[in-house]
Amino acid sequence: MRTLCPPCRARWRPTVSRSSVFTQGFWLRDIHVPAAIALQRRFKPRPDDVIVASLPKCGTTWLNALTFATMARRAYPPAGADHPLRRLNPHQCLPFLEGLFKGGREAELEVLPSPRLMNTHMPLPMVPSAVPGCRVVYVCRDPKDMAVSAWHFLRRLQTDLAFSVVFESVCDGAVAFGPVWDHVLGYWRASTAMPDKVLFLRYEELLRDPAENIRKLARFLGMPFSAVEDEGGTVDDIVHLCSFGHLKSLDANKTGHLDPLLPVPRDALFRNGASGDWVNHMTAAMASRLDKIVADKMRGTGLTFQ
């Protein structure tokens, strides 16, 4: 029998790949509970910090790349042959808060020069000092596509994993860092209350018009593109550099693993990159069921996925 310390007020359950605990209204993988506690107690953002936030499998890798390329464009022109994104996986270009804080390595964050760029999957209540302490860029995705992407990703760890298991976990709200709706709504409400502090993006809109969304991102970061940059094609260069096809073709994204504790090959991050792939994996009844659950949870909030 697994025993949890009383302060966590947590329930334990096995999920699709690892054990997880339910604490403060969210499901976290048990290895991330120490990070959640440490982030709430010790994370001190600087006013010019930028945090990229999302649920897993909602466009994290792409948004990491876009934000890094946008913020670093003066030091590393996006068309340059020596750009870090041409030799490093996007996740290697900015620290993952959970990784630092779960291992007591937050001192590594303190020595980084400003403005710091970081990444997290944590729900907003787990990083309470982030808003209004710094800027947060959040991306959400149609939960149906998120479920499909999560299944393909998790199958690299558990080859016999059935899609129905992942689908039911999403419907139950028991995915990592979920429920989906509570995670998304936390950042959505913060973005409507403080639009200068939280930029809320949709994966599908990024796909439809990446250039315009990069411009929106740059304005939010206080780093709008100049007329010279526009005329020189800087935005288009960032679009190309960070495009799914280009990133997928690079050796840095074909070899190696994400994390010693999560031995998934980096190429698992670049499977499809499209929108609407759920139609190839869900029946109409499954899609309708998940749509209804999400619509019910988000009723009256002003946010929809349809």
Protein backbone atom coordinates (compact mmCIF):
# COMPACT_ATOMS: atom_id res chain seq x y z
CA MET A 1 0.00 0.00 0.00
CA ARG A 2 1.38 3.39 -1.00
CA THR A 3 1.34 6.05 1.72
CA LEU A 4 1.29 9.78 1.02
CA CYS A 5 2.28 12.45 3.48
CA PRO A 6 -0.78 14.24 4.97
CA PRO A 7 0.26 17.74 3.84
CA CYS A 8 -0.15 16.68 0.22
CA ARG A 9 -3.84 15.86 0.78
CA ALA A 10 -3.40 13.69 -2.27
CA ARG A 11 -5.00 10.60 -3.73
CA TRP A 12 -2.91 8.07 -5.61
CA ARG A 13 -3.86 6.19 -8.75
CA PRO A 14 -2.03 4.42 -11.55
CA THR A 15 -2.39 6.23 -14.89
CA VAL A 16 -1.48 5.30 -18.42
CA SER A 17 2.29 5.21 -17.87
CA ARG A 18 3.32 6.18 -14.33
CA SER A 19 1.77 6.60 -10.90
CA SER A 20 0.33 9.99 -10.15
CA VAL A 21 -1.24 11.89 -7.28
CA PHE A 22 -4.21 14.21 -7.12
CA THR A 23 -3.27 17.33 -5.21
CA GLN A 24 -4.71 20.84 -5.09
CA GLY A 25 -7.23 19.87 -7.75
CA PHE A 26 -4.79 18.48 -10.34
CA TRP A 27 -3.21 15.17 -11.29
CA LEU A 28 0.59 15.25 -11.17
CA ARG A 29 3.06 12.48 -11.86
CA ASP A 30 4.46 11.58 -8.46
CA ILE A 31 7.95 12.68 -9.50
CA HIS A 32 6.58 16.20 -10.09
CA VAL A 33 4.94 16.66 -6.69
CA PRO A 34 8.21 17.84 -5.09
CA ALA A 35 8.59 20.32 -7.93
CA ALA A 36 5.07 21.66 -7.38
CA ILE A 37 5.77 22.19 -3.68
CA ALA A 38 9.14 23.82 -4.32
CA LEU A 39 7.77 26.11 -7.05
CA GLN A 40 5.05 27.39 -4.74
CA ARG A 41 7.49 27.99 -1.92
CA ARG A 42 10.63 29.19 -3.62
CA PHE A 43 10.12 30.38 -7.19
CA LYS A 44 10.77 34.12 -7.34
CA PRO A 45 10.18 35.49 -10.84
CA ARG A 46 11.90 38.57 -12.15
CA PRO A 47 9.66 41.18 -13.81
CA ASP A 48 11.19 40.50 -17.24
CA ASP A 49 10.99 36.69 -16.99
CA VAL A 50 9.00 34.86 -19.66
CA ILE A 51 7.39 31.47 -19.01
CA VAL A 52 6.07 29.27 -21.80
CA ALA A 53 3.23 27.18 -20.36
CA SER A 54 1.02 24.43 -21.71
CA LEU A 55 -0.35 20.98 -21.11
CA PRO A 56 1.84 18.26 -22.62
CA LYS A 57 1.21 17.52 -26.30
CA CYS A 58 -0.39 20.90 -27.03
CA GLY A 59 2.36 22.59 -29.02
CA THR A 60 4.99 23.00 -26.30
CA THR A 61 8.01 22.20 -28.45
CA TRP A 62 6.89 24.56 -31.22
CA LEU A 63 6.08 27.43 -28.87
CA ASN A 64 9.40 26.96 -27.06
CA ALA A 65 11.17 27.31 -30.40
CA LEU A 66 9.11 30.31 -31.54
CA THR A 67 9.54 32.18 -28.27
CA PHE A 68 13.25 31.46 -28.05
CA ALA A 69 13.84 32.49 -31.67
CA THR A 70 11.83 35.69 -31.19
CA MET A 71 13.55 36.73 -27.97
CA ALA A 72 17.06 35.80 -29.12
CA ARG A 73 16.80 37.14 -32.68
CA ARG A 74 19.27 39.98 -32.16
CA ALA A 75 21.96 37.73 -30.70
CA TYR A 76 21.10 34.87 -33.06
CA PRO A 77 19.56 36.00 -36.37
CA PRO A 78 17.09 33.25 -37.34
CA ALA A 79 18.65 32.80 -40.79
CA GLY A 80 22.11 32.31 -39.29
CA ALA A 81 23.84 28.99 -39.79
CA ASP A 82 24.99 28.99 -36.15
CA HIS A 83 21.53 29.45 -34.61
CA PRO A 84 21.13 27.26 -31.49
CA LEU A 85 17.90 25.75 -32.83
CA ARG A 86 19.87 24.24 -35.71
CA ARG A 87 22.01 22.18 -33.32
CA LEU A 88 19.87 21.82 -30.18
CA ASN A 89 16.41 20.48 -29.46
CA PRO A 90 14.06 23.38 -28.52
CA HIS A 91 13.76 21.95 -25.00
CA GLN A 92 17.51 22.37 -24.58
CA CYS A 93 17.26 26.10 -25.28
CA LEU A 94 15.27 26.98 -22.15
CA PRO A 95 15.09 25.40 -18.70
CA PHE A 96 12.14 23.23 -17.67
CA LEU A 97 10.99 24.46 -14.28
CA GLU A 98 9.79 21.06 -13.10
CA GLY A 99 13.16 19.54 -13.91
CA LEU A 100 15.04 22.17 -11.92
CA PHE A 101 12.76 22.37 -8.90
CA LYS A 102 12.13 18.65 -8.47
CA GLY A 103 15.87 18.11 -8.06
CA GLY A 104 16.66 21.16 -5.94
CA ARG A 105 18.60 22.71 -8.82
CA GLU A 106 16.88 26.09 -8.84
CA ALA A 107 20.24 27.77 -8.23
CA GLU A 108 20.91 27.11 -11.92
CA LEU A 109 17.99 29.40 -12.69
CA GLU A 110 19.29 32.17 -10.46
CA VAL A 111 22.55 32.54 -12.38
CA LEU A 112 20.84 32.97 -15.77
CA PRO A 113 20.99 36.51 -17.19
CA SER A 114 17.80 38.48 -17.70
CA PRO A 115 15.49 38.25 -19.47
CA ARG A 116 15.11 34.59 -18.56
CA LEU A 117 12.98 32.26 -20.68
CA MET A 118 11.53 29.15 -19.00
CA ASN A 119 9.05 26.37 -19.69
CA THR A 120 6.46 24.61 -17.51
CA HIS A 121 3.53 22.21 -17.75
CA MET A 122 2.33 23.13 -14.27
CA PRO A 123 -1.21 24.47 -13.80
CA LEU A 124 -1.22 28.11 -12.78
CA PRO A 125 -1.99 27.43 -9.07
CA MET A 126 1.30 25.51 -8.87
CA VAL A 127 3.26 28.60 -9.98
CA PRO A 128 1.24 31.29 -8.16
CA SER A 129 4.03 33.89 -8.24
CA ALA A 130 4.21 33.81 -12.05
CA VAL A 131 1.18 36.06 -12.52
CA PRO A 132 1.52 38.99 -12.21
CA GLY A 133 5.19 38.45 -11.37
CA CYS A 134 6.31 38.03 -14.98
CA ARG A 135 4.98 37.33 -18.48
CA VAL A 136 3.42 33.98 -19.39
CA VAL A 137 2.79 32.67 -22.91
CA TYR A 138 0.26 29.83 -22.93
CA VAL A 139 -0.84 27.56 -25.77
CA CYS A 140 -3.89 25.32 -25.78
CA ARG A 141 -5.06 22.70 -28.28
CA ASP A 142 -8.25 20.86 -29.17
CA PRO A 143 -8.40 18.13 -26.49
CA LYS A 144 -9.21 15.52 -29.13
CA ASP A 145 -5.92 16.14 -30.93
CA MET A 146 -4.14 16.38 -27.59
CA ALA A 147 -5.41 12.91 -26.66
CA VAL A 148 -4.21 11.42 -29.95
CA SER A 149 -0.80 13.08 -29.67
CA ALA A 150 -0.43 11.92 -26.06
CA TRP A 151 -1.24 8.34 -27.04
CA HIS A 152 1.39 8.26 -29.78
CA PHE A 153 3.93 9.80 -27.42
CA LEU A 154 3.20 7.42 -24.54
CA ARG A 155 3.37 4.39 -26.82
CA ARG A 156 7.08 5.05 -27.13
CA LEU A 157 7.24 4.05 -23.46
CA GLN A 158 4.44 1.49 -23.43
CA THR A 159 4.05 -0.11 -26.84
CA ASP A 160 0.87 -2.04 -26.02
CA LEU A 161 -0.99 1.02 -24.70
CA ALA A 162 -4.50 1.17 -26.14
CA PHE A 163 -5.85 4.48 -27.36
CA SER A 164 -9.03 3.87 -25.36
CA VAL A 165 -7.01 4.02 -22.12
CA VAL A 166 -5.64 7.48 -22.93
CA PHE A 167 -9.03 8.66 -24.19
CA GLU A 168 -10.77 7.61 -20.97
CA SER A 169 -8.07 9.33 -18.91
CA VAL A 170 -8.68 12.59 -20.78
CA CYS A 171 -12.45 12.27 -20.32
CA ASP A 172 -11.97 11.54 -16.62
CA GLY A 173 -9.64 14.51 -16.22
CA ALA A 174 -6.87 12.20 -15.01
CA VAL A 175 -4.12 13.06 -17.50
CA ALA A 176 -0.83 14.46 -16.24
CA PHE A 177 -1.25 18.07 -15.07
CA GLY A 178 -5.01 17.80 -15.75
CA PRO A 179 -7.95 17.96 -15.76
CA VAL A 180 -7.50 19.55 -19.17
CA TRP A 181 -10.31 22.06 -18.68
CA ASP A 182 -9.07 23.28 -15.30
CA HIS A 183 -5.52 23.71 -16.59
CA VAL A 184 -6.67 25.67 -19.64
CA LEU A 185 -9.20 27.77 -17.75
CA GLY A 186 -6.66 28.83 -15.16
CA TYR A 187 -4.51 30.48 -17.80
CA TRP A 188 -7.51 31.67 -19.85
CA ARG A 189 -8.98 33.57 -16.91
CA ALA A 190 -5.60 35.07 -16.09
CA SER A 191 -5.24 36.23 -19.70
CA THR A 192 -8.62 37.95 -19.70
CA ALA A 193 -7.92 39.61 -16.34
CA MET A 194 -4.31 40.61 -17.14
CA PRO A 195 -3.73 40.54 -20.92
CA ASP A 196 -0.44 42.37 -20.48
CA LYS A 197 0.82 39.49 -18.33
CA VAL A 198 -0.64 36.38 -20.00
CA LEU A 199 -0.81 35.76 -23.74
CA PHE A 200 -3.27 32.98 -24.57
CA LEU A 201 -2.64 31.25 -27.90
CA ARG A 202 -4.38 28.41 -29.73
CA TYR A 203 -2.40 25.77 -31.54
CA GLU A 204 -4.84 25.76 -34.44
CA GLU A 205 -4.48 29.53 -34.93
CA LEU A 206 -0.69 29.22 -34.85
CA LEU A 207 -0.94 26.68 -37.67
CA ARG A 208 -3.23 28.89 -39.74
CA ASP A 209 -1.12 32.05 -39.50
CA PRO A 210 2.24 31.57 -37.79
CA ALA A 211 3.65 34.91 -38.99
CA GLU A 212 0.86 37.01 -37.49
CA ASN A 213 1.02 35.08 -34.22
CA ILE A 214 4.79 35.60 -34.05
CA ARG A 215 4.18 39.33 -34.43
CA LYS A 216 1.58 39.16 -31.66
CA LEU A 217 4.06 37.26 -29.49
CA ALA A 218 6.81 39.82 -30.09
CA ARG A 219 4.51 42.73 -29.18
CA PHE A 220 3.45 40.95 -25.99
CA LEU A 221 7.10 40.40 -25.06
CA GLY A 222 7.82 44.10 -25.55
CA MET A 223 10.05 43.26 -28.51
CA PRO A 224 8.00 44.23 -31.59
CA PHE A 225 9.58 43.75 -34.99
CA SER A 226 11.03 46.91 -36.47
CA ALA A 227 10.36 48.11 -40.02
CA VAL A 228 13.89 47.04 -40.91
CA GLU A 229 13.24 43.54 -39.58
CA ASP A 230 9.96 43.30 -41.45
CA GLU A 231 11.58 44.39 -44.69
CA GLY A 232 14.46 42.00 -44.11
CA GLY A 233 12.15 39.00 -43.69
CA THR A 234 12.96 38.27 -40.04
CA VAL A 235 9.45 37.01 -39.29
CA ASP A 236 9.51 34.67 -42.27
CA ASP A 237 12.94 33.44 -41.19
CA ILE A 238 11.56 32.56 -37.73
CA VAL A 239 8.57 30.83 -39.30
CA HIS A 240 10.90 28.67 -41.40
CA LEU A 241 13.45 28.02 -38.66
CA CYS A 242 10.74 26.83 -36.26
CA SER A 243 8.54 25.05 -38.79
CA PHE A 244 7.62 21.45 -38.08
CA GLY A 245 9.28 20.16 -41.24
CA HIS A 246 12.54 22.02 -40.66
CA LEU A 247 12.86 21.09 -36.98
CA LYS A 248 12.01 17.47 -37.74
CA SER A 249 14.80 17.30 -40.34
CA LEU A 250 17.56 18.36 -37.94
CA ASP A 251 19.89 15.82 -36.37
CA ALA A 252 19.35 17.37 -32.93
CA ASN A 253 15.71 16.29 -33.11
CA LYS A 254 16.37 12.82 -34.49
CA THR A 255 18.78 11.51 -31.87
CA GLY A 256 19.03 11.44 -28.09
CA HIS A 257 16.37 11.37 -25.39
CA LEU A 258 14.32 14.01 -23.63
CA ASP A 259 15.25 13.26 -20.04
CA PRO A 260 16.91 10.41 -18.12
CA LEU A 261 13.65 9.99 -16.17
CA LEU A 262 11.58 9.99 -19.36
CA PRO A 263 13.55 7.93 -21.88
CA VAL A 264 11.54 8.94 -24.94
CA PRO A 265 13.50 9.62 -28.14
CA ARG A 266 13.44 13.25 -29.22
CA ASP A 267 11.94 12.28 -32.56
CA ALA A 268 8.73 11.45 -30.65
CA LEU A 269 8.17 15.21 -30.46
CA PHE A 270 7.88 15.47 -34.23
CA ARG A 271 5.28 12.91 -35.31
CA ASN A 272 2.60 14.87 -37.17
CA GLY A 273 2.24 18.52 -36.15
CA ALA A 274 -1.16 18.87 -37.83
CA SER A 275 -4.64 19.67 -36.63
CA GLY A 276 -7.60 17.32 -36.94
CA ASP A 277 -5.72 14.01 -36.77
CA TRP A 278 -8.27 12.86 -34.19
CA VAL A 279 -10.61 11.83 -37.02
CA ASN A 280 -8.23 8.96 -37.77
CA HIS A 281 -8.44 7.57 -34.23
CA MET A 282 -11.85 8.42 -32.74
CA THR A 283 -15.34 7.31 -33.60
CA ALA A 284 -17.96 10.01 -34.01
CA ALA A 285 -19.43 8.94 -30.67
CA MET A 286 -16.08 9.32 -28.89
CA ALA A 287 -15.48 12.76 -30.38
CA SER A 288 -18.99 13.89 -29.46
CA ARG A 289 -18.58 12.62 -25.91
CA LEU A 290 -15.31 14.49 -25.33
CA ASP A 291 -16.61 17.65 -26.99
CA LYS A 292 -19.64 17.60 -24.71
CA ILE A 293 -17.56 17.10 -21.56
CA VAL A 294 -15.27 20.01 -22.47
CA ALA A 295 -18.18 22.26 -23.50
CA ASP A 296 -19.94 21.58 -20.19
CA LYS A 297 -16.81 22.37 -18.19
CA MET A 298 -16.23 25.62 -20.08
CA ARG A 299 -19.80 26.85 -20.28
CA GLY A 300 -20.07 30.51 -19.36
CA THR A 301 -16.32 31.17 -19.52
CA GLY A 302 -16.21 32.58 -23.06
CA LEU A 303 -13.72 29.93 -24.16
CA THR A 304 -14.61 27.21 -26.66
CA PHE A 305 -12.72 24.72 -28.80
CA GLN A 306 -15.35 24.59 -31.57
